[in-house]
Amino acid sequence: MGIKPSYIKTMGEALLEQHRESFNGNFDDNKKVVSEVTTIQSKTIRNRVAGNITRKVNTSQRRR
């Protein structure tokens, strides 16, 4: 999809630091967690943050 805006990356990293155990490699599960943990009103931004988190989790799992 291209380069994500810095606020998406920043928000994703902060959520991963605070709630690492809640996230996994499944986008739909992460989308639900992001909507429960944050007050993001926009569906597009919520999905982008969840996608960024999913990508980071999957990448870290592959490196192990």
N, C-alpha and C. Protein backbone atom coordinates (compact mmCIF):
# COMPACT_ATOMS: atom_id res chain seq x y z
N MET A 1 0.82 -1.19 0.00
CA MET A 1 0.00 0.00 0.00
C MET A 1 0.86 1.24 0.00
N GLY A 2 2.11 1.12 0.35
CA GLY A 2 2.96 2.29 0.33
C GLY A 2 3.39 2.71 1.71
N ILE A 3 3.94 3.88 1.79
CA ILE A 3 4.46 4.40 3.05
C ILE A 3 3.30 4.92 3.90
N LYS A 4 3.26 4.50 5.14
CA LYS A 4 2.20 4.93 6.04
C LYS A 4 2.60 6.25 6.71
N PRO A 5 1.62 7.08 7.02
CA PRO A 5 1.92 8.33 7.74
C PRO A 5 2.55 8.03 9.10
N SER A 6 3.33 8.94 9.59
CA SER A 6 4.06 8.71 10.84
C SER A 6 3.12 8.54 12.04
N TYR A 7 1.95 9.19 12.03
CA TYR A 7 1.05 9.05 13.18
C TYR A 7 0.48 7.63 13.26
N ILE A 8 0.34 6.94 12.14
CA ILE A 8 -0.12 5.55 12.15
C ILE A 8 0.95 4.68 12.81
N LYS A 9 2.20 4.87 12.39
CA LYS A 9 3.30 4.09 12.96
C LYS A 9 3.48 4.37 14.44
N THR A 10 3.42 5.64 14.81
CA THR A 10 3.59 6.03 16.21
C THR A 10 2.50 5.42 17.09
N MET A 11 1.27 5.51 16.63
CA MET A 11 0.15 4.96 17.38
C MET A 11 0.27 3.44 17.50
N GLY A 12 0.65 2.78 16.42
CA GLY A 12 0.81 1.33 16.44
C GLY A 12 1.90 0.89 17.38
N GLU A 13 3.03 1.58 17.37
CA GLU A 13 4.13 1.23 18.27
C GLU A 13 3.74 1.43 19.73
N ALA A 14 3.04 2.52 20.01
CA ALA A 14 2.61 2.79 21.39
C ALA A 14 1.63 1.72 21.88
N LEU A 15 0.70 1.33 21.01
CA LEU A 15 -0.26 0.29 21.40
C LEU A 15 0.44 -1.05 21.60
N LEU A 16 1.41 -1.36 20.77
CA LEU A 16 2.15 -2.61 20.93
C LEU A 16 2.93 -2.64 22.25
N GLU A 17 3.50 -1.51 22.62
CA GLU A 17 4.24 -1.45 23.89
C GLU A 17 3.31 -1.65 25.08
N GLN A 18 2.12 -1.05 25.02
CA GLN A 18 1.21 -1.10 26.16
C GLN A 18 0.40 -2.38 26.23
N HIS A 19 0.04 -2.95 25.07
CA HIS A 19 -0.88 -4.10 25.03
C HIS A 19 -0.35 -5.23 24.16
N ARG A 20 0.92 -5.53 24.24
CA ARG A 20 1.54 -6.53 23.37
C ARG A 20 0.81 -7.88 23.44
N GLU A 21 0.39 -8.31 24.62
CA GLU A 21 -0.23 -9.62 24.77
C GLU A 21 -1.61 -9.70 24.13
N SER A 22 -2.23 -8.56 23.87
CA SER A 22 -3.57 -8.55 23.28
C SER A 22 -3.56 -8.74 21.77
N PHE A 23 -2.43 -8.47 21.13
CA PHE A 23 -2.36 -8.51 19.67
C PHE A 23 -1.77 -9.82 19.18
N ASN A 24 -2.20 -10.24 17.99
CA ASN A 24 -1.66 -11.43 17.35
C ASN A 24 -1.49 -11.18 15.86
N GLY A 25 -1.28 -12.21 15.08
CA GLY A 25 -1.04 -12.06 13.65
C GLY A 25 -2.29 -11.98 12.81
N ASN A 26 -3.46 -11.91 13.42
CA ASN A 26 -4.72 -11.87 12.69
C ASN A 26 -5.25 -10.44 12.65
N PHE A 27 -5.46 -9.91 11.45
CA PHE A 27 -5.91 -8.53 11.27
C PHE A 27 -7.26 -8.28 11.93
N ASP A 28 -8.22 -9.19 11.75
CA ASP A 28 -9.56 -8.97 12.30
C ASP A 28 -9.55 -8.92 13.83
N ASP A 29 -8.75 -9.77 14.45
CA ASP A 29 -8.64 -9.74 15.91
C ASP A 29 -8.01 -8.43 16.37
N ASN A 30 -6.97 -8.00 15.67
CA ASN A 30 -6.28 -6.75 16.03
C ASN A 30 -7.18 -5.54 15.83
N LYS A 31 -8.03 -5.60 14.82
CA LYS A 31 -8.97 -4.50 14.57
C LYS A 31 -9.92 -4.34 15.75
N LYS A 32 -10.39 -5.45 16.28
CA LYS A 32 -11.30 -5.41 17.43
C LYS A 32 -10.58 -4.87 18.67
N VAL A 33 -9.34 -5.30 18.87
CA VAL A 33 -8.58 -4.84 20.03
C VAL A 33 -8.31 -3.34 19.93
N VAL A 34 -7.95 -2.86 18.75
CA VAL A 34 -7.68 -1.43 18.57
C VAL A 34 -8.94 -0.63 18.86
N SER A 35 -10.08 -1.09 18.41
CA SER A 35 -11.32 -0.34 18.67
C SER A 35 -11.70 -0.37 20.15
N GLU A 36 -11.36 -1.45 20.87
CA GLU A 36 -11.66 -1.52 22.31
C GLU A 36 -10.71 -0.66 23.13
N VAL A 37 -9.44 -0.62 22.74
CA VAL A 37 -8.42 0.03 23.55
C VAL A 37 -8.35 1.53 23.28
N THR A 38 -8.69 1.97 22.08
CA THR A 38 -8.56 3.38 21.72
C THR A 38 -9.93 4.02 21.51
N THR A 39 -9.89 5.32 21.25
CA THR A 39 -11.12 6.05 20.96
C THR A 39 -11.11 6.55 19.52
N ILE A 40 -10.50 5.79 18.63
CA ILE A 40 -10.42 6.19 17.21
C ILE A 40 -11.82 6.11 16.61
N GLN A 41 -12.28 7.21 16.07
CA GLN A 41 -13.61 7.28 15.46
C GLN A 41 -13.60 6.81 14.01
N SER A 42 -12.51 7.07 13.30
CA SER A 42 -12.43 6.78 11.88
C SER A 42 -12.12 5.30 11.63
N LYS A 43 -12.96 4.67 10.81
CA LYS A 43 -12.74 3.28 10.47
C LYS A 43 -11.45 3.09 9.67
N THR A 44 -11.16 4.02 8.79
CA THR A 44 -9.95 3.94 7.96
C THR A 44 -8.69 3.99 8.81
N ILE A 45 -8.64 4.92 9.75
CA ILE A 45 -7.45 5.04 10.60
C ILE A 45 -7.34 3.82 11.52
N ARG A 46 -8.45 3.36 12.06
CA ARG A 46 -8.43 2.15 12.90
C ARG A 46 -7.88 0.96 12.12
N ASN A 47 -8.33 0.79 10.88
CA ASN A 47 -7.87 -0.32 10.06
C ASN A 47 -6.39 -0.18 9.71
N ARG A 48 -5.94 1.02 9.46
CA ARG A 48 -4.53 1.22 9.14
C ARG A 48 -3.65 0.92 10.34
N VAL A 49 -4.07 1.34 11.52
CA VAL A 49 -3.31 1.05 12.74
C VAL A 49 -3.30 -0.46 12.99
N ALA A 50 -4.44 -1.11 12.84
CA ALA A 50 -4.51 -2.56 13.04
C ALA A 50 -3.64 -3.29 12.02
N GLY A 51 -3.62 -2.82 10.79
CA GLY A 51 -2.79 -3.42 9.76
C GLY A 51 -1.31 -3.26 10.05
N ASN A 52 -0.94 -2.09 10.55
CA ASN A 52 0.45 -1.84 10.90
C ASN A 52 0.88 -2.75 12.06
N ILE A 53 0.02 -2.91 13.03
CA ILE A 53 0.32 -3.79 14.17
C ILE A 53 0.43 -5.24 13.70
N THR A 54 -0.50 -5.67 12.85
CA THR A 54 -0.47 -7.04 12.34
C THR A 54 0.82 -7.31 11.59
N ARG A 55 1.23 -6.36 10.80
CA ARG A 55 2.47 -6.53 10.04
C ARG A 55 3.68 -6.64 10.96
N LYS A 56 3.73 -5.80 11.99
CA LYS A 56 4.84 -5.85 12.94
C LYS A 56 4.87 -7.16 13.71
N VAL A 57 3.70 -7.64 14.14
CA VAL A 57 3.63 -8.90 14.88
C VAL A 57 4.07 -10.06 13.99
N ASN A 58 3.57 -10.11 12.76
CA ASN A 58 3.94 -11.19 11.85
C ASN A 58 5.43 -11.15 11.52
N THR A 59 5.99 -9.97 11.33
CA THR A 59 7.41 -9.85 11.03
C THR A 59 8.24 -10.33 12.21
N SER A 60 7.85 -9.96 13.42
CA SER A 60 8.62 -10.38 14.59
C SER A 60 8.50 -11.89 14.82
N GLN A 61 7.37 -12.49 14.47
CA GLN A 61 7.22 -13.94 14.61
C GLN A 61 8.08 -14.68 13.60
N ARG A 62 8.21 -14.15 12.39
CA ARG A 62 9.03 -14.78 11.37
C ARG A 62 10.50 -14.74 11.72
N ARG A 63 10.92 -13.70 12.41
CA ARG A 63 12.34 -13.54 12.77
C ARG A 63 12.77 -14.45 13.89
N ARG A 64 11.84 -15.00 14.64
CA ARG A 64 12.20 -15.89 15.77
C ARG A 64 12.59 -17.25 15.28
